[in-house]
Amino acid sequence: MDFNKKVIALLAVALLAIGSWSCKKITDEVPEDKLDITNAYRNVGDADAAVIGAYGQFLGLEKLYILQNELRGDLVEATGNADAYLKQLSNHTTSKDNPYIDPRPYYAVILNINDALKNFNLMLADHRMSVDDYNKHYSDLGALRSFIYLQLGAQYGSVPYITEPVEKVEDVKNLSLYPRISFDELLTRLIDFTEKLPYKEVYSYPAGNALNVAIDGQNTQKIFICKPFILGDLYLWKGNYLKAAENYAKVMNVENTNSNINVQFDAYKVVGYLSSAYNDLVVRYTRAQDEGALITDGGWRNMFIQPTNNITWNSEFFWGIPYNPSYKPGNPMVDVCSSIYGKYLIKPSQAAIDNWAAQRQYSGIPYDARGRLSYENSAAGPVITKLTDNNTILSSFNKGGKWGIYRAGLLHLRFSEAANRDGQGKLGWAFLNIGIQDTYYTGTYLSGAKSPVSTAEINTMQTPYPTSSPYYFDARSNSDYKSPWYRNTGIRNRANVRPIDVSFQTDMVGLEGKIIDEAALELAFEGNRWPDLIRIARRQNNPAFLADRIYQKLLKAGDPNASATRTKLMTPSNWYLPFEWN
């Protein structure tokens, strides 16, 4: 195929050489090493450039996104090397001059997107862009803006919702022109806007589109936001659980046209180990019951150490952006996390470490090995490796990696949360624990294995819902027939840890707590923790759900203000950062 050379060049510049955000100074100027996309909307190639420019700028948000979502939660704390501002985030004593609470980096991206969307409308009206190209480009950046606004709502509560171009980021602080709206109202508006996007497929740009190309072995298909996922999240926050489940199921059941059978049955389905490189994402050992035989250069860790063109990474992630180690500044989390090649500013909290230690594996090993695959001990202290692992050894000159945003583990936990709240606790339990087939199968077992002897027994390997339902999953299999979900094994089963008690299938609030507990084990440090805690505390009208977890983190860290912080967080208005322009 004759790919658009201009687009390839733009991709290389914008996504592989993008600069990182600095908390020291934020201006409205366009740096010399970034793309100026504001004055070039002549044809679809310029629209491609606008999209790539927006994503390049969005990539610069990772550091702020991770720090706000993880330090404010219960799984990460500041090290002794951290400045006072990072420590404030961790113990919820944030001052108004704290540079890590400045909302301007988010709005800088939003305002560039607003400018692009306005120009897309003009291009369509003037026939400089086809309807099909317009639908894809407009929907992609529109969904990305909704994602950023959801982050703003979770962090700040009430924020200005601006959908038109604004000349300068500084103008947003004029509340007479841009009044803040409540988080609930923001969710309503985001759902209304995102639902009306004209193109809401799982992948923003299908094969053959100029934005779906390969550069140095890296395919660009998954650097663009997954629109059904953000819609699922918006509905989950708003409390429309059926609509959330419908959108999550659309991603879980996305048609995979790859001719390889392993890809067809494994992609996004959280499968067990089957001696195949296509699904080697299971916690496993070279020798059973031998703690020293944990596989650390493969298995579950594969999703973080492999490049984005690796089949194991692609079977787990459906939105992630790589950093090229050949270009500066590289992955900003190396500087934040590494004790050798960075400043070592954050580390796993003792509460996070204790969470993993409290689990038990099937083999009897008394801890969850996902912890040992997410951080490691060093002379400086525990070091988060999940955000910096790369197939190439890190060095002072190689700070590669990727920002993995949406993956199957997160998807299954969010779907479980929605299904449980919609009265489908058994299904939520299945995805959390041992998978569809093992949860629903009621047939006979011979020699320790399923051995269906009748059609009725085989049919119990599917969920008892109409095929049109988002809760229908077909896991039927025998020697002659394999259905799409027959390899699904469940989040905890993939991690080789024992399932929670089956009684939680009928305990809605109890199962909800277990799902969020599991998120701490499966998703630690990835940027989801603070929104998870706020979402459940809001839904249950239970501030203690959030406050108790932060209290335990601070208590185990020896923070003398742990009790005072818990008291503070028992008031919901104190969950949100002050909306200040520093």
Protein backbone atom coordinates (compact mmCIF):
# COMPACT_ATOMS: atom_id res chain seq x y z
CA MET A 1 0.00 0.00 0.00
CA ASP A 2 1.22 3.53 -0.81
CA PHE A 3 1.10 5.21 2.61
CA ASN A 4 0.92 8.96 2.96
CA LYS A 5 4.57 9.93 3.50
CA LYS A 6 3.60 13.21 5.09
CA VAL A 7 1.55 11.43 7.75
CA ILE A 8 4.38 9.03 8.50
CA ALA A 9 6.75 11.95 9.02
CA LEU A 10 4.23 13.68 11.29
CA LEU A 11 3.74 10.53 13.32
CA ALA A 12 7.47 10.12 13.79
CA VAL A 13 7.95 13.72 14.90
CA ALA A 14 4.85 14.13 17.06
CA LEU A 15 4.72 10.78 18.83
CA LEU A 16 8.34 9.72 19.00
CA ALA A 17 10.00 13.01 19.81
CA ILE A 18 7.34 14.69 21.92
CA GLY A 19 8.50 16.83 24.82
CA SER A 20 7.33 16.20 28.37
CA TRP A 21 5.39 18.58 30.58
CA SER A 22 7.34 20.40 33.25
CA CYS A 23 5.65 21.55 36.44
CA LYS A 24 8.07 24.48 36.68
CA LYS A 25 6.64 26.55 33.86
CA ILE A 26 3.64 26.24 31.59
CA THR A 27 3.05 28.78 28.84
CA ASP A 28 0.81 29.17 25.84
CA GLU A 29 3.76 29.28 23.46
CA VAL A 30 4.34 26.53 20.91
CA PRO A 31 7.79 24.99 21.51
CA GLU A 32 10.04 24.79 18.49
CA ASP A 33 10.19 20.99 18.57
CA LYS A 34 6.41 20.55 18.46
CA LEU A 35 3.94 20.75 15.60
CA ASP A 36 1.99 23.96 15.09
CA ILE A 37 -1.33 22.60 13.81
CA THR A 38 -3.41 25.75 14.14
CA ASN A 39 -3.06 27.20 10.63
CA ALA A 40 -3.10 24.24 8.26
CA TYR A 41 -6.48 22.75 7.45
CA ARG A 42 -6.40 22.50 3.67
CA ASN A 43 -6.99 18.77 3.15
CA VAL A 44 -7.24 15.43 4.93
CA GLY A 45 -3.45 15.29 5.29
CA ASP A 46 -3.65 18.43 7.42
CA ALA A 47 -6.48 16.88 9.42
CA ASP A 48 -4.22 13.86 10.02
CA ALA A 49 -1.54 16.25 11.25
CA ALA A 50 -4.02 17.88 13.64
CA VAL A 51 -4.94 14.50 15.11
CA ILE A 52 -1.32 13.49 15.58
CA GLY A 53 -0.45 16.86 17.06
CA ALA A 54 -3.25 16.49 19.60
CA TYR A 55 -2.11 13.02 20.60
CA GLY A 56 1.48 14.18 20.82
CA GLN A 57 0.39 16.90 23.22
CA PHE A 58 -1.83 14.44 25.11
CA LEU A 59 1.16 12.13 25.60
CA GLY A 60 2.77 14.89 27.62
CA LEU A 61 -0.01 14.49 30.23
CA GLU A 62 1.06 11.03 31.39
CA LYS A 63 3.24 12.23 34.25
CA LEU A 64 0.55 14.50 35.70
CA TYR A 65 -2.16 11.87 35.09
CA ILE A 66 -0.27 9.12 36.92
CA LEU A 67 0.83 11.32 39.81
CA GLN A 68 -2.65 12.69 40.47
CA ASN A 69 -4.41 9.35 40.14
CA GLU A 70 -1.91 7.23 42.04
CA LEU A 71 -0.29 9.44 44.68
CA ARG A 72 -3.71 10.59 45.85
CA GLY A 73 -4.83 6.97 46.19
CA ASP A 74 -3.70 4.26 48.57
CA LEU A 75 -1.17 2.34 46.46
CA VAL A 76 1.62 4.89 45.93
CA GLU A 77 3.49 7.23 48.24
CA ALA A 78 6.23 9.82 47.87
CA THR A 79 9.83 8.86 48.63
CA GLY A 80 12.31 10.86 50.68
CA ASN A 81 13.60 12.33 47.42
CA ALA A 82 10.24 13.89 46.58
CA ASP A 83 9.60 17.58 47.03
CA ALA A 84 6.98 18.97 49.39
CA TYR A 85 4.44 19.28 46.59
CA LEU A 86 4.45 15.56 45.78
CA LYS A 87 4.18 14.74 49.47
CA GLN A 88 1.15 17.04 49.66
CA LEU A 89 -0.55 15.03 46.92
CA SER A 90 0.11 11.83 48.82
CA ASN A 91 -1.20 12.99 52.20
CA HIS A 92 -4.00 15.28 50.94
CA THR A 93 -2.61 18.54 52.30
CA THR A 94 -2.31 20.18 48.88
CA SER A 95 -1.64 23.91 48.90
CA LYS A 96 -3.01 26.19 46.21
CA ASP A 97 0.48 26.91 44.85
CA ASN A 98 1.20 23.23 44.23
CA PRO A 99 2.25 22.92 40.56
CA TYR A 100 0.89 19.37 40.36
CA ILE A 101 -2.70 20.59 40.72
CA ASP A 102 -2.53 23.11 37.86
CA PRO A 103 -5.34 22.25 35.39
CA ARG A 104 -3.76 24.21 32.54
CA PRO A 105 -1.95 21.22 30.96
CA TYR A 106 -5.32 19.49 30.50
CA TYR A 107 -6.96 22.59 29.07
CA ALA A 108 -4.04 23.22 26.72
CA VAL A 109 -4.85 19.90 25.03
CA ILE A 110 -8.62 20.52 25.17
CA LEU A 111 -8.34 23.92 23.53
CA ASN A 112 -6.19 22.55 20.70
CA ILE A 113 -8.79 19.83 20.19
CA ASN A 114 -11.56 22.46 20.15
CA ASP A 115 -9.68 24.34 17.46
CA ALA A 116 -9.27 21.17 15.40
CA LEU A 117 -12.95 20.22 15.73
CA LYS A 118 -14.05 23.67 14.61
CA ASN A 119 -11.78 23.45 11.58
CA PHE A 120 -13.00 19.94 10.78
CA ASN A 121 -16.51 21.39 10.61
CA LEU A 122 -15.32 24.10 8.22
CA MET A 123 -13.45 21.57 6.10
CA LEU A 124 -16.56 19.44 5.78
CA ALA A 125 -18.71 22.42 4.84
CA ASP A 126 -16.18 23.52 2.20
CA HIS A 127 -15.72 19.98 0.82
CA ARG A 128 -12.07 19.89 1.84
CA MET A 129 -12.74 16.65 3.70
CA SER A 130 -15.03 13.73 2.86
CA VAL A 131 -17.89 12.80 5.19
CA ASP A 132 -16.15 9.52 6.02
CA ASP A 133 -12.85 11.23 6.91
CA TYR A 134 -14.72 13.86 8.90
CA ASN A 135 -16.62 11.24 10.89
CA LYS A 136 -13.44 9.41 11.88
CA HIS A 137 -11.27 12.43 12.67
CA TYR A 138 -13.98 14.39 14.51
CA SER A 139 -15.07 11.36 16.54
CA ASP A 140 -11.53 10.44 17.51
CA LEU A 141 -10.58 13.84 18.90
CA GLY A 142 -14.04 14.36 20.37
CA ALA A 143 -13.73 11.13 22.36
CA LEU A 144 -10.21 12.06 23.47
CA ARG A 145 -11.58 15.36 24.78
CA SER A 146 -14.27 13.49 26.72
CA PHE A 147 -11.59 11.31 28.29
CA ILE A 148 -9.64 14.37 29.44
CA TYR A 149 -12.77 16.02 30.83
CA LEU A 150 -13.61 12.86 32.80
CA GLN A 151 -10.16 13.06 34.36
CA LEU A 152 -10.74 16.72 35.21
CA GLY A 153 -14.08 15.89 36.85
CA ALA A 154 -12.57 13.12 38.98
CA GLN A 155 -9.75 15.41 40.15
CA TYR A 156 -11.41 18.81 40.52
CA GLY A 157 -15.14 18.10 40.83
CA SER A 158 -16.59 21.23 39.22
CA VAL A 159 -14.77 22.52 36.14
CA PRO A 160 -15.44 24.77 33.13
CA TYR A 161 -16.79 22.73 30.21
CA ILE A 162 -15.51 24.47 27.12
CA THR A 163 -16.19 23.11 23.64
CA GLU A 164 -15.33 26.13 21.50
CA PRO A 165 -11.88 27.52 20.64
CA VAL A 166 -10.37 29.92 23.16
CA GLU A 167 -7.47 32.14 22.18
CA LYS A 168 -5.33 31.47 25.26
CA VAL A 169 -5.38 28.89 28.02
CA GLU A 170 -5.21 31.74 30.53
CA ASP A 171 -8.64 32.95 29.34
CA VAL A 172 -10.26 29.85 30.86
CA LYS A 173 -9.79 31.27 34.35
CA ASN A 174 -12.32 34.00 33.57
CA LEU A 175 -15.25 32.40 35.37
CA SER A 176 -17.65 35.06 34.14
CA LEU A 177 -17.13 33.67 30.65
CA TYR A 178 -16.55 30.04 31.55
CA PRO A 179 -18.41 29.13 34.76
CA ARG A 180 -17.75 25.79 36.37
CA ILE A 181 -20.35 23.06 36.26
CA SER A 182 -20.84 20.21 38.71
CA PHE A 183 -19.35 16.76 38.13
CA ASP A 184 -22.83 15.30 37.60
CA GLU A 185 -23.68 17.93 34.99
CA LEU A 186 -20.32 17.36 33.33
CA LEU A 187 -21.07 13.64 33.04
CA THR A 188 -24.46 14.38 31.49
CA ARG A 189 -22.94 16.67 28.88
CA LEU A 190 -20.08 14.29 28.11
CA ILE A 191 -22.47 11.38 27.55
CA ASP A 192 -24.69 13.50 25.31
CA PHE A 193 -21.73 14.68 23.22
CA THR A 194 -19.93 11.34 23.00
CA GLU A 195 -23.07 9.40 22.10
CA LYS A 196 -23.66 11.75 19.18
CA LEU A 197 -20.23 11.18 17.67
CA PRO A 198 -20.77 9.82 14.16
CA TYR A 199 -18.14 7.04 14.36
CA LYS A 200 -17.97 4.99 17.56
CA GLU A 201 -16.11 1.84 16.52
CA VAL A 202 -13.53 0.19 18.78
CA TYR A 203 -10.67 1.26 16.51
CA SER A 204 -10.66 4.86 15.34
CA TYR A 205 -9.04 4.22 11.98
CA PRO A 206 -9.52 0.91 10.14
CA ALA A 207 -6.93 -0.84 8.02
CA GLY A 208 -6.19 1.16 4.89
CA ASN A 209 -6.58 4.54 6.56
CA ALA A 210 -3.51 6.78 6.38
CA LEU A 211 -3.45 7.05 10.19
CA ASN A 212 -3.29 3.27 10.56
CA VAL A 213 0.30 2.60 9.52
CA ALA A 214 3.47 0.86 10.70
CA ILE A 215 6.54 2.88 11.70
CA ASP A 216 9.72 1.06 12.74
CA GLY A 217 7.65 -2.04 13.44
CA GLN A 218 5.12 -0.15 15.58
CA ASN A 219 1.54 -0.11 14.30
CA THR A 220 -0.41 3.04 15.04
CA GLN A 221 -3.88 1.49 15.28
CA LYS A 222 -3.90 1.43 19.08
CA ILE A 223 -2.49 4.86 19.83
CA PHE A 224 -5.98 6.31 19.31
CA ILE A 225 -8.68 6.20 21.98
CA CYS A 226 -11.17 3.33 22.12
CA LYS A 227 -14.52 5.13 21.94
CA PRO A 228 -16.84 2.40 23.34
CA PHE A 229 -14.58 2.19 26.40
CA ILE A 230 -14.80 5.88 27.25
CA LEU A 231 -18.58 5.70 26.73
CA GLY A 232 -18.71 2.70 29.07
CA ASP A 233 -16.77 4.67 31.69
CA LEU A 234 -19.05 7.69 31.39
CA TYR A 235 -22.16 5.54 31.86
CA LEU A 236 -20.52 3.68 34.75
CA TRP A 237 -19.86 6.96 36.55
CA LYS A 238 -23.38 8.18 35.81
CA GLY A 239 -25.02 5.00 37.10
CA ASN A 240 -26.47 3.65 33.85
CA TYR A 241 -25.01 0.18 34.26
CA LEU A 242 -26.76 -1.52 31.34
CA LYS A 243 -25.42 1.08 28.91
CA ALA A 244 -21.98 0.78 30.48
CA ALA A 245 -22.09 -3.00 30.02
CA GLU A 246 -23.24 -2.64 26.40
CA ASN A 247 -20.27 -0.47 25.54
CA TYR A 248 -17.72 -2.59 27.40
CA ALA A 249 -19.12 -5.74 25.74
CA LYS A 250 -18.63 -4.12 22.35
CA VAL A 251 -14.90 -4.01 23.06
CA MET A 252 -14.79 -7.45 24.65
CA ASN A 253 -16.47 -8.98 21.61
CA VAL A 254 -14.74 -6.94 18.92
CA GLU A 255 -14.36 -8.99 15.78
CA ASN A 256 -10.77 -9.98 15.18
CA THR A 257 -10.07 -10.73 11.55
CA ASN A 258 -6.58 -12.11 12.17
CA SER A 259 -6.34 -15.56 10.60
CA ASN A 260 -4.35 -16.94 13.53
CA ILE A 261 -6.73 -18.89 15.75
CA ASN A 262 -4.85 -17.93 18.92
CA VAL A 263 -5.40 -14.25 18.21
CA GLN A 264 -9.09 -14.83 17.51
CA PHE A 265 -9.71 -16.62 20.79
CA ASP A 266 -7.30 -14.69 23.01
CA ALA A 267 -7.53 -10.97 22.21
CA TYR A 268 -8.99 -9.08 25.21
CA LYS A 269 -10.47 -12.27 26.70
CA VAL A 270 -8.15 -12.85 29.72
CA VAL A 271 -7.19 -16.40 28.86
CA GLY A 272 -5.21 -19.14 30.58
CA TYR A 273 -1.77 -20.38 29.62
CA LEU A 274 -1.88 -22.78 26.66
CA SER A 275 1.81 -23.15 25.77
CA SER A 276 1.46 -20.36 23.23
CA ALA A 277 3.23 -17.06 22.78
CA TYR A 278 -0.13 -15.58 21.85
CA ASN A 279 -1.56 -15.81 25.33
CA ASP A 280 1.44 -15.94 27.63
CA LEU A 281 0.04 -13.45 30.12
CA VAL A 282 -0.42 -15.80 33.07
CA VAL A 283 1.44 -15.75 36.37
CA ARG A 284 3.41 -18.97 36.20
CA TYR A 285 6.48 -20.80 37.47
CA THR A 286 9.02 -23.12 35.88
CA ARG A 287 8.57 -25.40 38.90
CA ALA A 288 5.32 -25.64 40.84
CA GLN A 289 5.36 -24.48 44.47
CA ASP A 290 8.87 -23.06 44.08
CA GLU A 291 8.81 -19.35 44.86
CA GLY A 292 12.22 -18.92 43.27
CA ALA A 293 10.94 -20.26 39.95
CA LEU A 294 8.61 -17.35 39.19
CA ILE A 295 8.90 -16.35 35.52
CA THR A 296 9.82 -12.67 35.48
CA ASP A 297 10.85 -12.28 31.83
CA GLY A 298 7.51 -13.47 30.45
CA GLY A 299 4.05 -14.51 31.62
CA TRP A 300 1.91 -11.80 33.22
CA ARG A 301 4.79 -9.34 33.05
CA ASN A 302 4.86 -9.71 29.26
CA MET A 303 2.17 -7.06 28.85
CA PHE A 304 4.52 -4.45 30.32
CA ILE A 305 7.95 -5.51 29.07
CA GLN A 306 7.06 -6.23 25.47
CA PRO A 307 7.02 -3.60 22.71
CA THR A 308 3.70 -2.52 21.29
CA ASN A 309 4.14 -4.63 18.16
CA ASN A 310 4.41 -7.83 20.22
CA ILE A 311 1.44 -10.21 20.01
CA THR A 312 1.16 -10.63 23.80
CA TRP A 313 1.01 -6.85 24.31
CA ASN A 314 -1.57 -6.54 21.56
CA SER A 315 -3.80 -9.26 23.01
CA GLU A 316 -4.04 -7.27 26.27
CA PHE A 317 -3.90 -3.57 25.35
CA PHE A 318 -6.26 -1.71 23.06
CA TRP A 319 -5.09 1.83 23.82
CA GLY A 320 -1.47 2.66 24.45
CA ILE A 321 1.17 5.04 23.12
CA PRO A 322 4.85 4.05 22.82
CA TYR A 323 7.93 6.14 23.54
CA ASN A 324 10.85 5.73 21.20
CA PRO A 325 14.07 5.35 23.21
CA SER A 326 16.01 6.98 20.38
CA TYR A 327 14.38 10.35 21.05
CA LYS A 328 14.48 12.62 24.07
CA PRO A 329 13.04 13.00 26.64
CA GLY A 330 11.46 9.54 26.53
CA ASN A 331 9.18 7.96 29.09
CA PRO A 332 8.72 10.49 31.94
CA MET A 333 7.95 7.74 34.44
CA VAL A 334 11.55 6.52 34.30
CA ASP A 335 12.61 9.79 35.89
CA VAL A 336 9.81 9.55 38.47
CA CYS A 337 10.17 5.87 39.40
CA SER A 338 13.69 4.62 38.75
CA SER A 339 16.28 4.66 41.54
CA ILE A 340 19.11 4.21 39.02
CA TYR A 341 18.18 6.23 35.92
CA GLY A 342 15.73 8.62 37.53
CA LYS A 343 15.09 10.66 40.66
CA TYR A 344 13.07 7.96 42.48
CA LEU A 345 10.23 10.23 43.59
CA ILE A 346 7.42 7.70 44.14
CA LYS A 347 7.26 4.12 45.37
CA PRO A 348 4.69 1.44 46.20
CA SER A 349 2.94 2.09 49.47
CA GLN A 350 3.19 -0.47 52.24
CA ALA A 351 -0.56 -0.84 51.92
CA ALA A 352 -0.14 -1.94 48.28
CA ILE A 353 2.59 -4.40 49.24
CA ASP A 354 0.40 -5.79 52.04
CA ASN A 355 -2.50 -6.22 49.58
CA TRP A 356 -0.42 -8.61 47.48
CA ALA A 357 0.96 -10.35 50.56
CA ALA A 358 -2.57 -11.11 51.82
CA GLN A 359 -3.41 -13.33 48.82
CA ARG A 360 -2.74 -17.02 48.43
CA GLN A 361 -1.98 -18.89 45.25
CA TYR A 362 -3.43 -22.25 44.22
CA SER A 363 -0.06 -23.84 44.90
CA GLY A 364 -0.09 -22.57 48.47
CA ILE A 365 2.49 -19.82 47.89
CA PRO A 366 1.36 -17.13 50.36
CA TYR A 367 1.30 -14.01 48.22
CA ASP A 368 0.08 -12.64 44.89
CA ALA A 369 3.02 -12.72 42.47
CA ARG A 370 1.61 -9.77 40.51
CA GLY A 371 3.23 -7.64 43.18
CA ARG A 372 6.68 -9.02 42.46
CA LEU A 373 6.02 -8.43 38.77
CA SER A 374 4.97 -4.80 39.36
CA TYR A 375 7.75 -3.59 41.63
CA GLU A 376 11.13 -4.75 42.87
CA ASN A 377 13.24 -4.07 45.92
CA SER A 378 16.42 -2.05 45.68
CA ALA A 379 18.95 -0.48 48.00
CA ALA A 380 16.91 2.72 47.81
CA GLY A 381 13.64 0.96 48.62
CA PRO A 382 10.79 -0.61 46.63
CA VAL A 383 10.82 0.56 43.00
CA ILE A 384 7.82 0.60 40.66
CA THR A 385 8.85 -1.25 37.49
CA LYS A 386 5.45 -1.65 35.83
CA LEU A 387 5.56 1.87 34.36
CA THR A 388 9.14 1.68 33.07
CA ASP A 389 9.66 -1.91 31.91
CA ASN A 390 10.87 -2.21 28.35
CA ASN A 391 12.18 -5.01 26.19
CA THR A 392 15.35 -2.90 25.80
CA ILE A 393 17.45 -2.40 28.92
CA LEU A 394 17.01 1.08 30.33
CA SER A 395 19.93 3.44 30.62
CA SER A 396 20.57 7.13 31.05
CA PHE A 397 20.19 7.42 27.28
CA ASN A 398 17.35 4.95 26.78
CA LYS A 399 14.15 5.88 28.54
CA GLY A 400 11.72 4.03 26.34
CA GLY A 401 8.49 2.27 27.18
CA LYS A 402 4.85 3.13 26.62
CA TRP A 403 1.85 4.66 28.26
CA GLY A 404 -0.64 1.82 28.45
CA ILE A 405 -4.07 3.29 29.15
CA TYR A 406 -6.79 0.71 28.35
CA ARG A 407 -6.21 -3.03 28.66
CA ALA A 408 -8.19 -6.23 29.06
CA GLY A 409 -7.67 -6.53 32.82
CA LEU A 410 -9.16 -3.08 33.32
CA LEU A 411 -11.97 -3.80 30.85
CA HIS A 412 -13.03 -7.00 32.59
CA LEU A 413 -13.03 -5.38 36.02
CA ARG A 414 -15.10 -2.42 34.76
CA PHE A 415 -17.53 -4.79 33.05
CA SER A 416 -17.79 -6.81 36.27
CA GLU A 417 -18.56 -3.63 38.19
CA ALA A 418 -21.31 -2.66 35.75
CA ALA A 419 -22.81 -6.16 35.55
CA ASN A 420 -22.86 -6.54 39.33
CA ARG A 421 -24.69 -3.23 39.76
CA ASP A 422 -27.17 -4.27 37.07
CA GLY A 423 -28.12 -7.38 39.01
CA GLN A 424 -25.76 -9.79 37.23
CA GLY A 425 -23.57 -10.65 40.20
CA LYS A 426 -22.78 -14.18 39.04
CA LEU A 427 -21.41 -12.88 35.75
CA GLY A 428 -19.40 -10.18 37.49
CA TRP A 429 -18.01 -12.85 39.83
CA ALA A 430 -17.10 -15.06 36.84
CA PHE A 431 -14.99 -12.43 35.09
CA LEU A 432 -13.34 -11.48 38.36
CA ASN A 433 -12.49 -15.02 39.39
CA ILE A 434 -12.49 -18.21 37.29
CA GLY A 435 -14.04 -17.34 33.93
CA ILE A 436 -17.30 -18.09 32.13
CA GLN A 437 -16.99 -21.80 31.49
CA ASP A 438 -15.89 -22.84 34.97
CA THR A 439 -18.53 -20.63 36.62
CA TYR A 440 -21.54 -21.77 34.59
CA TYR A 441 -20.73 -25.37 33.66
CA THR A 442 -22.95 -27.88 35.46
CA GLY A 443 -21.98 -31.09 33.64
CA THR A 444 -19.85 -34.05 34.64
CA TYR A 445 -16.14 -34.15 35.34
CA LEU A 446 -14.02 -37.15 34.46
CA SER A 447 -10.43 -37.45 35.68
CA GLY A 448 -10.50 -33.86 36.87
CA ALA A 449 -11.53 -32.41 33.50
CA LYS A 450 -14.83 -31.30 32.02
CA SER A 451 -16.32 -34.08 29.92
CA PRO A 452 -19.69 -32.97 28.52
CA VAL A 453 -21.73 -35.97 27.45
CA SER A 454 -24.80 -34.19 26.11
CA THR A 455 -25.87 -31.04 24.32
CA ALA A 456 -27.53 -29.89 27.53
CA GLU A 457 -24.24 -30.10 29.40
CA ILE A 458 -22.35 -28.27 26.67
CA ASN A 459 -24.97 -25.53 26.66
CA THR A 460 -24.32 -24.76 30.32
CA MET A 461 -20.95 -23.38 29.20
CA GLN A 462 -22.68 -20.21 27.99
CA THR A 463 -24.41 -17.51 29.97
CA PRO A 464 -28.23 -17.82 30.11
CA TYR A 465 -29.09 -14.60 28.27
CA PRO A 466 -30.31 -13.75 24.75
CA THR A 467 -27.54 -13.38 22.20
CA SER A 468 -28.51 -9.72 21.85
CA SER A 469 -27.75 -9.08 25.53
CA PRO A 470 -24.43 -7.56 26.61
CA TYR A 471 -24.40 -10.34 29.21
CA TYR A 472 -24.33 -13.19 26.69
CA PHE A 473 -20.96 -14.94 26.45
CA ASP A 474 -20.46 -18.25 24.68
CA ALA A 475 -17.77 -20.44 26.25
CA ARG A 476 -18.98 -23.78 24.89
CA SER A 477 -16.35 -26.29 23.78
CA ASN A 478 -15.79 -29.98 23.16
CA SER A 479 -13.49 -31.98 20.91
CA ASP A 480 -15.23 -30.64 17.79
CA TYR A 481 -16.44 -27.17 18.73
CA LYS A 482 -14.71 -24.10 20.18
CA SER A 483 -16.66 -20.91 20.86
CA PRO A 484 -15.20 -17.40 21.28
CA TRP A 485 -14.97 -17.36 25.08
CA TYR A 486 -13.95 -20.96 25.81
CA ARG A 487 -10.42 -19.91 26.89
CA ASN A 488 -11.57 -17.14 29.26
CA THR A 489 -10.13 -17.84 32.68
CA GLY A 490 -10.93 -14.84 34.91
CA ILE A 491 -8.70 -12.15 36.40
CA ARG A 492 -7.72 -13.99 39.58
CA ASN A 493 -7.34 -17.33 37.84
CA ARG A 494 -4.93 -15.79 35.31
CA ALA A 495 -2.93 -14.49 38.27
CA ASN A 496 -2.88 -17.98 39.82
CA VAL A 497 -4.58 -16.77 43.00
CA ARG A 498 -7.57 -18.42 44.62
CA PRO A 499 -11.08 -17.11 43.87
CA ILE A 500 -13.12 -15.19 46.39
CA ASP A 501 -16.03 -17.04 47.96
CA VAL A 502 -19.00 -17.78 45.68
CA SER A 503 -21.34 -16.18 48.22
CA PHE A 504 -20.32 -12.79 46.82
CA GLN A 505 -22.32 -13.59 43.67
CA THR A 506 -25.43 -12.42 45.51
CA ASP A 507 -23.81 -9.70 47.64
CA MET A 508 -23.85 -6.60 45.43
CA VAL A 509 -22.04 -4.20 47.75
CA GLY A 510 -19.65 -6.88 48.95
CA LEU A 511 -18.71 -7.92 45.43
CA GLU A 512 -18.26 -4.29 44.45
CA GLY A 513 -15.68 -3.91 47.20
CA LYS A 514 -13.92 -7.08 46.07
CA ILE A 515 -13.75 -5.79 42.49
CA ILE A 516 -12.04 -2.60 43.67
CA ASP A 517 -9.74 -4.66 45.90
CA GLU A 518 -8.83 -6.71 42.84
CA ALA A 519 -8.15 -3.55 40.88
CA ALA A 520 -5.49 -2.74 43.49
CA LEU A 521 -3.81 -6.07 42.75
CA GLU A 522 -4.19 -6.12 38.96
CA LEU A 523 -3.99 -2.43 38.00
CA ALA A 524 -1.72 -0.89 40.64
CA PHE A 525 0.25 2.19 39.52
CA GLU A 526 -1.43 2.40 36.09
CA GLY A 527 -3.45 5.56 36.77
CA ASN A 528 -6.86 4.23 37.79
CA ARG A 529 -6.83 4.16 41.57
CA TRP A 530 -8.13 7.57 42.66
CA PRO A 531 -11.06 7.57 40.19
CA ASP A 532 -11.95 4.03 41.31
CA LEU A 533 -12.11 5.08 44.96
CA ILE A 534 -14.13 8.22 44.25
CA ARG A 535 -16.57 6.45 41.93
CA ILE A 536 -17.47 3.79 44.52
CA ALA A 537 -17.56 6.21 47.46
CA ARG A 538 -19.93 8.47 45.48
CA ARG A 539 -22.14 5.60 44.40
CA GLN A 540 -22.43 4.07 47.86
CA ASN A 541 -22.71 7.47 49.52
CA ASN A 542 -19.98 6.13 51.78
CA PRO A 543 -16.99 8.46 52.29
CA ALA A 544 -15.37 5.84 54.53
CA PHE A 545 -14.85 3.61 51.49
CA LEU A 546 -12.26 6.13 50.30
CA ALA A 547 -11.14 7.65 53.60
CA ASP A 548 -10.31 4.32 55.27
CA ARG A 549 -8.04 3.23 52.44
CA ILE A 550 -6.10 6.49 52.45
CA TYR A 551 -5.89 6.31 56.23
CA GLN A 552 -4.35 2.83 56.07
CA LYS A 553 -1.76 4.01 53.57
CA LEU A 554 -0.73 6.95 55.73
CA LEU A 555 -0.85 4.91 58.94
CA LYS A 556 1.48 2.26 57.53
CA ALA A 557 3.78 4.99 56.24
CA GLY A 558 4.05 6.44 59.76
CA ASP A 559 2.35 9.70 58.84
CA PRO A 560 1.36 11.45 62.11
CA ASN A 561 -1.57 13.15 60.37
CA ALA A 562 -3.22 9.92 59.20
CA SER A 563 -6.24 10.32 61.46
CA ALA A 564 -6.69 13.99 60.59
CA THR A 565 -6.58 13.13 56.89
CA ARG A 566 -9.22 10.45 57.37
CA THR A 567 -11.46 12.97 59.11
CA LYS A 568 -10.91 15.45 56.29
CA LEU A 569 -11.80 12.89 53.60
CA MET A 570 -15.04 11.96 55.34
CA THR A 571 -16.36 15.20 53.82
CA PRO A 572 -16.83 14.59 50.05
CA SER A 573 -16.03 18.16 49.05
CA ASN A 574 -12.50 17.54 50.33
CA TRP A 575 -11.93 14.79 47.77
CA TYR A 576 -11.36 17.32 45.02
CA LEU A 577 -8.33 19.45 44.23
CA PRO A 578 -8.65 23.24 44.29
CA PHE A 579 -9.14 24.54 40.75
CA GLU A 580 -6.27 27.03 40.68
CA TRP A 581 -4.17 28.67 37.93
CA ASN A 582 -0.68 28.69 39.40
